[in-house]
Amino acid sequence: MANLELVINDYLPLRDVVYQTLRNAILKGELKPGERLMEMKLAGKLGVSRTPIREAIRMLEQEGLAITIPRHGAQVAKMTQKDMDDVYEVRRALETLAMKYVSGNMTTEQIADLRYAEKVFEEAVADGDSDKIEQKDTEFHMVIYEATGNMRLGSIMTTISEQLSRYRWAYLLHHKQLKQVIDEHRALVDAIESGDYEKCLKATMDHLNSQEEIIKEVIKANN
């Protein structure tokens, strides 16, 4: 089992702290797909009672990161091709809509914000901090969603982004050359700045295609 360490947050209930600890371990692959989530063992490792562990596992199940199998108990849910296909199908539709909003419509200031987000992501890659890389990758895309001016779309994209977290981590942790991601981000910004919808759409889909190919390999390796 992963070397888990509970980071206490005085502003969160203990169950939420335990949930975040386990969730991060699953997203980063420290708790492997199929690994059992034994309440007593986890309670001992984290120095808490079994109650917050049980509640955290229930929250992980609701998010699809854990599953309870009769007579075997809870375990880390496996990533499946079907689940990835489903969430990426939704993302492609939403990204297509987002590109219709932003192509030719982003202000000079918004483009500058996107260029800055691209630069910060590149710096995170240079630093080699996986937590920072994941955070800055998310922030880069959020600049685009916010620029649509459609609050409903932004809210839905935030929800989808959370569902994509596990796949995003798999993608970033197993990508052999993150410079390619930097190049894809830059190509997307260039396309948006050009105002050409077809170029925007192509840059977006090229980026998603690259992600999916790598994640497919991760899924195969873990199943």
C-alpha atoms as a PDB file:
ATOM      1  CA  MET A   1       0.000   0.000   0.000  1.00  0.00           C
ATOM      2  CA  ALA A   2       1.130   3.545  -0.721  1.00  0.00           C
ATOM      3  CA  ASN A   3       3.010   5.513   1.914  1.00  0.00           C
ATOM      4  CA  LEU A   4       0.040   7.714   2.800  1.00  0.00           C
ATOM      5  CA  GLU A   5       0.377  10.823   4.914  1.00  0.00           C
ATOM      6  CA  LEU A   6      -2.594  12.731   6.245  1.00  0.00           C
ATOM      7  CA  VAL A   7      -2.307  16.497   5.807  1.00  0.00           C
ATOM      8  CA  ILE A   8      -4.535  18.065   8.437  1.00  0.00           C
ATOM      9  CA  ASN A   9      -6.664  21.018   7.360  1.00  0.00           C
ATOM     10  CA  ASP A  10      -8.393  22.808  10.234  1.00  0.00           C
ATOM     11  CA  TYR A  11     -11.040  24.144   7.854  1.00  0.00           C
ATOM     12  CA  LEU A  12     -12.208  20.760   6.563  1.00  0.00           C
ATOM     13  CA  PRO A  13     -14.034  17.884   8.294  1.00  0.00           C
ATOM     14  CA  LEU A  14     -11.753  14.900   8.910  1.00  0.00           C
ATOM     15  CA  ARG A  15     -13.625  12.782   6.367  1.00  0.00           C
ATOM     16  CA  ASP A  16     -12.867  15.382   3.664  1.00  0.00           C
ATOM     17  CA  VAL A  17      -9.176  15.419   4.590  1.00  0.00           C
ATOM     18  CA  VAL A  18      -9.086  11.618   4.390  1.00  0.00           C
ATOM     19  CA  TYR A  19     -10.997  11.741   1.101  1.00  0.00           C
ATOM     20  CA  GLN A  20      -8.539  14.229  -0.428  1.00  0.00           C
ATOM     21  CA  THR A  21      -5.590  12.134   0.775  1.00  0.00           C
ATOM     22  CA  LEU A  22      -6.944   8.938  -0.764  1.00  0.00           C
ATOM     23  CA  ARG A  23      -8.143  10.721  -3.899  1.00  0.00           C
ATOM     24  CA  ASN A  24      -4.713  12.239  -4.550  1.00  0.00           C
ATOM     25  CA  ALA A  25      -3.056   8.857  -4.017  1.00  0.00           C
ATOM     26  CA  ILE A  26      -5.406   7.258  -6.565  1.00  0.00           C
ATOM     27  CA  LEU A  27      -4.992  10.050  -9.138  1.00  0.00           C
ATOM     28  CA  LYS A  28      -1.202   9.867  -8.912  1.00  0.00           C
ATOM     29  CA  GLY A  29      -1.207   6.077  -9.157  1.00  0.00           C
ATOM     30  CA  GLU A  30       0.169   5.618  -5.644  1.00  0.00           C
ATOM     31  CA  LEU A  31      -2.912   3.509  -4.900  1.00  0.00           C
ATOM     32  CA  LYS A  32      -3.132   1.167  -7.873  1.00  0.00           C
ATOM     33  CA  PRO A  33      -6.253   0.086  -9.807  1.00  0.00           C
ATOM     34  CA  GLY A  34      -7.666  -3.012  -8.133  1.00  0.00           C
ATOM     35  CA  GLU A  35      -5.846  -2.362  -4.840  1.00  0.00           C
ATOM     36  CA  ARG A  36      -8.022  -3.060  -1.827  1.00  0.00           C
ATOM     37  CA  LEU A  37      -9.070  -0.184   0.411  1.00  0.00           C
ATOM     38  CA  MET A  38      -9.140  -1.937   3.786  1.00  0.00           C
ATOM     39  CA  GLU A  39     -10.659   0.304   6.412  1.00  0.00           C
ATOM     40  CA  MET A  40      -8.627  -0.979   9.362  1.00  0.00           C
ATOM     41  CA  LYS A  41      -5.310  -0.820   7.512  1.00  0.00           C
ATOM     42  CA  LEU A  42      -5.991   2.680   6.139  1.00  0.00           C
ATOM     43  CA  ALA A  43      -7.129   3.869   9.578  1.00  0.00           C
ATOM     44  CA  GLY A  44      -3.859   2.645  11.068  1.00  0.00           C
ATOM     45  CA  LYS A  45      -1.753   4.286   8.365  1.00  0.00           C
ATOM     46  CA  LEU A  46      -3.518   7.638   8.635  1.00  0.00           C
ATOM     47  CA  GLY A  47      -3.975   7.592  12.409  1.00  0.00           C
ATOM     48  CA  VAL A  48      -7.739   8.007  12.332  1.00  0.00           C
ATOM     49  CA  SER A  49     -10.767   5.912  13.235  1.00  0.00           C
ATOM     50  CA  ARG A  50     -12.532   3.729  10.675  1.00  0.00           C
ATOM     51  CA  THR A  51     -15.533   6.089  10.437  1.00  0.00           C
ATOM     52  CA  PRO A  52     -13.886   8.854   8.331  1.00  0.00           C
ATOM     53  CA  ILE A  53     -12.231   6.137   6.223  1.00  0.00           C
ATOM     54  CA  ARG A  54     -15.625   4.568   5.517  1.00  0.00           C
ATOM     55  CA  GLU A  55     -17.131   7.965   4.679  1.00  0.00           C
ATOM     56  CA  ALA A  56     -14.198   8.867   2.409  1.00  0.00           C
ATOM     57  CA  ILE A  57     -14.494   5.573   0.524  1.00  0.00           C
ATOM     58  CA  ARG A  58     -18.198   6.272  -0.007  1.00  0.00           C
ATOM     59  CA  MET A  59     -17.261   9.674  -1.509  1.00  0.00           C
ATOM     60  CA  LEU A  60     -14.679   8.006  -3.762  1.00  0.00           C
ATOM     61  CA  GLU A  61     -17.336   5.572  -4.947  1.00  0.00           C
ATOM     62  CA  GLN A  62     -19.636   8.455  -5.878  1.00  0.00           C
ATOM     63  CA  GLU A  63     -16.808   9.917  -7.972  1.00  0.00           C
ATOM     64  CA  GLY A  64     -16.110   6.569  -9.637  1.00  0.00           C
ATOM     65  CA  LEU A  65     -12.635   6.229  -8.136  1.00  0.00           C
ATOM     66  CA  ALA A  66     -13.544   3.303  -5.890  1.00  0.00           C
ATOM     67  CA  ILE A  67     -15.879   0.351  -6.121  1.00  0.00           C
ATOM     68  CA  THR A  68     -17.222  -2.099  -3.551  1.00  0.00           C
ATOM     69  CA  ILE A  69     -17.338  -5.735  -4.616  1.00  0.00           C
ATOM     70  CA  PRO A  70     -19.572  -8.110  -2.608  1.00  0.00           C
ATOM     71  CA  ARG A  71     -17.548 -10.336  -0.250  1.00  0.00           C
ATOM     72  CA  HIS A  72     -14.329  -8.556  -1.244  1.00  0.00           C
ATOM     73  CA  GLY A  73     -14.873  -5.025   0.024  1.00  0.00           C
ATOM     74  CA  ALA A  74     -13.807  -1.715  -1.460  1.00  0.00           C
ATOM     75  CA  GLN A  75     -10.989  -1.332  -3.952  1.00  0.00           C
ATOM     76  CA  VAL A  76      -9.571   1.277  -6.300  1.00  0.00           C
ATOM     77  CA  ALA A  77     -11.681   1.288  -9.460  1.00  0.00           C
ATOM     78  CA  LYS A  78      -9.913   0.337 -12.657  1.00  0.00           C
ATOM     79  CA  MET A  79      -9.718   2.765 -15.544  1.00  0.00           C
ATOM     80  CA  THR A  80     -11.634   1.393 -18.508  1.00  0.00           C
ATOM     81  CA  GLN A  81     -11.629   2.217 -22.188  1.00  0.00           C
ATOM     82  CA  LYS A  82     -15.408   2.640 -22.104  1.00  0.00           C
ATOM     83  CA  ASP A  83     -15.298   5.180 -19.291  1.00  0.00           C
ATOM     84  CA  MET A  84     -12.533   7.137 -21.014  1.00  0.00           C
ATOM     85  CA  ASP A  85     -14.411   7.097 -24.311  1.00  0.00           C
ATOM     86  CA  ASP A  86     -17.588   8.341 -22.616  1.00  0.00           C
ATOM     87  CA  VAL A  87     -15.983  11.281 -20.811  1.00  0.00           C
ATOM     88  CA  TYR A  88     -13.871  12.293 -23.810  1.00  0.00           C
ATOM     89  CA  GLU A  89     -16.905  12.170 -26.094  1.00  0.00           C
ATOM     90  CA  VAL A  90     -18.570  14.727 -23.825  1.00  0.00           C
ATOM     91  CA  ARG A  91     -15.391  16.786 -23.634  1.00  0.00           C
ATOM     92  CA  ARG A  92     -15.034  16.892 -27.423  1.00  0.00           C
ATOM     93  CA  ALA A  93     -18.571  18.236 -27.767  1.00  0.00           C
ATOM     94  CA  LEU A  94     -17.981  20.896 -25.118  1.00  0.00           C
ATOM     95  CA  GLU A  95     -14.571  21.869 -26.519  1.00  0.00           C
ATOM     96  CA  THR A  96     -16.156  22.266 -29.966  1.00  0.00           C
ATOM     97  CA  LEU A  97     -18.738  24.614 -28.472  1.00  0.00           C
ATOM     98  CA  ALA A  98     -16.039  26.513 -26.570  1.00  0.00           C
ATOM     99  CA  MET A  99     -14.053  27.060 -29.770  1.00  0.00           C
ATOM    100  CA  LYS A 100     -17.154  28.524 -31.446  1.00  0.00           C
ATOM    101  CA  TYR A 101     -17.357  31.055 -28.634  1.00  0.00           C
ATOM    102  CA  VAL A 102     -13.679  32.063 -28.464  1.00  0.00           C
ATOM    103  CA  SER A 103     -12.451  31.916 -32.079  1.00  0.00           C
ATOM    104  CA  GLY A 104     -12.298  35.504 -33.283  1.00  0.00           C
ATOM    105  CA  ASN A 105     -13.854  36.772 -30.049  1.00  0.00           C
ATOM    106  CA  MET A 106     -11.123  36.740 -27.411  1.00  0.00           C
ATOM    107  CA  THR A 107      -9.869  40.185 -26.462  1.00  0.00           C
ATOM    108  CA  THR A 108      -6.219  41.205 -26.548  1.00  0.00           C
ATOM    109  CA  GLU A 109      -6.177  40.992 -22.760  1.00  0.00           C
ATOM    110  CA  GLN A 110      -7.675  37.483 -22.762  1.00  0.00           C
ATOM    111  CA  ILE A 111      -5.123  36.325 -25.334  1.00  0.00           C
ATOM    112  CA  ALA A 112      -2.381  37.776 -23.138  1.00  0.00           C
ATOM    113  CA  ASP A 113      -3.794  35.846 -20.145  1.00  0.00           C
ATOM    114  CA  LEU A 114      -3.754  32.657 -22.198  1.00  0.00           C
ATOM    115  CA  ARG A 115      -0.167  33.276 -23.331  1.00  0.00           C
ATOM    116  CA  TYR A 116       0.796  33.787 -19.700  1.00  0.00           C
ATOM    117  CA  ALA A 117      -0.955  30.547 -18.647  1.00  0.00           C
ATOM    118  CA  GLU A 118       0.912  28.753 -21.438  1.00  0.00           C
ATOM    119  CA  LYS A 119       4.232  30.177 -20.188  1.00  0.00           C
ATOM    120  CA  VAL A 120       3.507  29.222 -16.565  1.00  0.00           C
ATOM    121  CA  PHE A 121       2.709  25.655 -17.644  1.00  0.00           C
ATOM    122  CA  GLU A 122       6.020  25.514 -19.523  1.00  0.00           C
ATOM    123  CA  GLU A 123       7.836  26.684 -16.377  1.00  0.00           C
ATOM    124  CA  ALA A 124       6.080  23.986 -14.327  1.00  0.00           C
ATOM    125  CA  VAL A 125       7.283  21.347 -16.797  1.00  0.00           C
ATOM    126  CA  ALA A 126      10.829  22.709 -16.498  1.00  0.00           C
ATOM    127  CA  ASP A 127      10.574  22.471 -12.683  1.00  0.00           C
ATOM    128  CA  GLY A 128       9.415  18.845 -12.931  1.00  0.00           C
ATOM    129  CA  ASP A 129       6.834  19.243 -10.140  1.00  0.00           C
ATOM    130  CA  SER A 130       3.972  16.891 -11.090  1.00  0.00           C
ATOM    131  CA  ASP A 131       1.440  18.606  -8.802  1.00  0.00           C
ATOM    132  CA  LYS A 132       2.261  21.988 -10.297  1.00  0.00           C
ATOM    133  CA  ILE A 133       2.212  20.620 -13.853  1.00  0.00           C
ATOM    134  CA  GLU A 134      -1.292  19.203 -13.368  1.00  0.00           C
ATOM    135  CA  GLN A 135      -2.518  22.410 -11.725  1.00  0.00           C
ATOM    136  CA  LYS A 136      -1.117  24.690 -14.452  1.00  0.00           C
ATOM    137  CA  ASP A 137      -2.447  22.454 -17.216  1.00  0.00           C
ATOM    138  CA  THR A 138      -5.933  22.778 -15.726  1.00  0.00           C
ATOM    139  CA  GLU A 139      -5.545  26.541 -15.309  1.00  0.00           C
ATOM    140  CA  PHE A 140      -4.481  26.928 -18.940  1.00  0.00           C
ATOM    141  CA  HIS A 141      -7.698  25.345 -20.176  1.00  0.00           C
ATOM    142  CA  MET A 142      -9.828  27.215 -17.631  1.00  0.00           C
ATOM    143  CA  VAL A 143      -8.675  30.527 -19.153  1.00  0.00           C
ATOM    144  CA  ILE A 144     -10.285  29.403 -22.426  1.00  0.00           C
ATOM    145  CA  TYR A 145     -13.521  28.265 -20.788  1.00  0.00           C
ATOM    146  CA  GLU A 146     -13.881  31.509 -18.852  1.00  0.00           C
ATOM    147  CA  ALA A 147     -13.273  33.492 -22.049  1.00  0.00           C
ATOM    148  CA  THR A 148     -16.409  31.960 -23.604  1.00  0.00           C
ATOM    149  CA  GLY A 149     -18.465  34.248 -21.363  1.00  0.00           C
ATOM    150  CA  ASN A 150     -20.947  31.394 -20.931  1.00  0.00           C
ATOM    151  CA  MET A 151     -21.116  30.667 -17.210  1.00  0.00           C
ATOM    152  CA  ARG A 152     -23.119  27.480 -17.727  1.00  0.00           C
ATOM    153  CA  LEU A 153     -20.521  26.114 -20.121  1.00  0.00           C
ATOM    154  CA  GLY A 154     -17.747  27.053 -17.707  1.00  0.00           C
ATOM    155  CA  SER A 155     -19.533  25.288 -14.853  1.00  0.00           C
ATOM    156  CA  ILE A 156     -20.072  22.114 -16.901  1.00  0.00           C
ATOM    157  CA  MET A 157     -16.457  22.150 -18.073  1.00  0.00           C
ATOM    158  CA  THR A 158     -15.329  22.402 -14.433  1.00  0.00           C
ATOM    159  CA  THR A 159     -17.380  19.298 -13.607  1.00  0.00           C
ATOM    160  CA  ILE A 160     -15.983  17.422 -16.612  1.00  0.00           C
ATOM    161  CA  SER A 161     -12.475  18.546 -15.649  1.00  0.00           C
ATOM    162  CA  GLU A 162     -12.932  16.867 -12.265  1.00  0.00           C
ATOM    163  CA  GLN A 163     -14.071  13.655 -13.959  1.00  0.00           C
ATOM    164  CA  LEU A 164     -11.030  13.885 -16.223  1.00  0.00           C
ATOM    165  CA  SER A 165      -8.613  14.297 -13.307  1.00  0.00           C
ATOM    166  CA  ARG A 166      -7.585  10.646 -13.218  1.00  0.00           C
ATOM    167  CA  TYR A 167      -7.010  10.531 -16.950  1.00  0.00           C
ATOM    168  CA  ARG A 168      -5.172  13.856 -16.918  1.00  0.00           C
ATOM    169  CA  TRP A 169      -2.818  12.539 -14.253  1.00  0.00           C
ATOM    170  CA  ALA A 170      -2.274   9.320 -16.224  1.00  0.00           C
ATOM    171  CA  TYR A 171      -1.542  11.384 -19.321  1.00  0.00           C
ATOM    172  CA  LEU A 172       0.888  13.798 -17.669  1.00  0.00           C
ATOM    173  CA  LEU A 173       2.698  11.168 -15.584  1.00  0.00           C
ATOM    174  CA  HIS A 174       3.220   8.773 -18.484  1.00  0.00           C
ATOM    175  CA  HIS A 175       3.897  11.247 -21.275  1.00  0.00           C
ATOM    176  CA  LYS A 176       7.496  10.593 -22.302  1.00  0.00           C
ATOM    177  CA  GLN A 177       7.982  14.050 -23.781  1.00  0.00           C
ATOM    178  CA  LEU A 178       6.012  16.858 -22.144  1.00  0.00           C
ATOM    179  CA  LYS A 179       7.510  19.295 -24.640  1.00  0.00           C
ATOM    180  CA  GLN A 180       4.866  17.942 -27.014  1.00  0.00           C
ATOM    181  CA  VAL A 181       2.160  19.171 -24.612  1.00  0.00           C
ATOM    182  CA  ILE A 182       3.820  22.594 -24.546  1.00  0.00           C
ATOM    183  CA  ASP A 183       3.849  22.630 -28.353  1.00  0.00           C
ATOM    184  CA  GLU A 184       0.165  21.626 -28.457  1.00  0.00           C
ATOM    185  CA  HIS A 185      -0.773  24.403 -26.035  1.00  0.00           C
ATOM    186  CA  ARG A 186       1.174  26.927 -28.095  1.00  0.00           C
ATOM    187  CA  ALA A 187      -0.484  25.738 -31.317  1.00  0.00           C
ATOM    188  CA  LEU A 188      -3.891  26.140 -29.675  1.00  0.00           C
ATOM    189  CA  VAL A 189      -3.129  29.692 -28.546  1.00  0.00           C
ATOM    190  CA  ASP A 190      -1.821  30.570 -32.027  1.00  0.00           C
ATOM    191  CA  ALA A 191      -5.005  29.196 -33.580  1.00  0.00           C
ATOM    192  CA  ILE A 192      -7.240  31.116 -31.181  1.00  0.00           C
ATOM    193  CA  GLU A 193      -5.284  34.302 -31.801  1.00  0.00           C
ATOM    194  CA  SER A 194      -5.699  33.827 -35.561  1.00  0.00           C
ATOM    195  CA  GLY A 195      -9.471  33.861 -35.121  1.00  0.00           C
ATOM    196  CA  ASP A 196      -9.851  30.918 -37.514  1.00  0.00           C
ATOM    197  CA  TYR A 197     -12.455  28.498 -36.133  1.00  0.00           C
ATOM    198  CA  GLU A 198     -11.250  25.512 -38.190  1.00  0.00           C
ATOM    199  CA  LYS A 199      -7.680  26.020 -36.982  1.00  0.00           C
ATOM    200  CA  CYS A 200      -8.930  26.285 -33.388  1.00  0.00           C
ATOM    201  CA  LEU A 201     -10.929  23.097 -33.709  1.00  0.00           C
ATOM    202  CA  LYS A 202      -8.034  21.187 -35.291  1.00  0.00           C
ATOM    203  CA  ALA A 203      -5.574  22.315 -32.609  1.00  0.00           C
ATOM    204  CA  THR A 204      -8.023  21.277 -29.891  1.00  0.00           C
ATOM    205  CA  MET A 205      -8.743  17.860 -31.383  1.00  0.00           C
ATOM    206  CA  ASP A 206      -5.046  17.194 -32.026  1.00  0.00           C
ATOM    207  CA  HIS A 207      -4.435  17.879 -28.340  1.00  0.00           C
ATOM    208  CA  LEU A 208      -7.235  15.529 -27.254  1.00  0.00           C
ATOM    209  CA  ASN A 209      -6.133  12.810 -29.691  1.00  0.00           C
ATOM    210  CA  SER A 210      -2.637  12.917 -28.216  1.00  0.00           C
ATOM    211  CA  GLN A 211      -4.032  12.548 -24.705  1.00  0.00           C
ATOM    212  CA  GLU A 212      -6.273   9.635 -25.605  1.00  0.00           C
ATOM    213  CA  GLU A 213      -3.501   7.631 -27.272  1.00  0.00           C
ATOM    214  CA  ILE A 214      -1.309   7.829 -24.175  1.00  0.00           C
ATOM    215  CA  ILE A 215      -4.162   7.077 -21.775  1.00  0.00           C
ATOM    216  CA  LYS A 216      -5.137   4.021 -23.838  1.00  0.00           C
ATOM    217  CA  GLU A 217      -1.643   2.628 -23.281  1.00  0.00           C
ATOM    218  CA  VAL A 218      -1.915   3.267 -19.542  1.00  0.00           C
ATOM    219  CA  ILE A 219      -5.285   1.495 -19.404  1.00  0.00           C
ATOM    220  CA  LYS A 220      -3.887  -1.506 -21.291  1.00  0.00           C
ATOM    221  CA  ALA A 221      -0.917  -1.699 -18.925  1.00  0.00           C
ATOM    222  CA  ASN A 222      -3.157  -1.644 -15.838  1.00  0.00           C
ATOM    223  CA  ASN A 223      -5.797  -4.151 -17.005  1.00  0.00           C
END
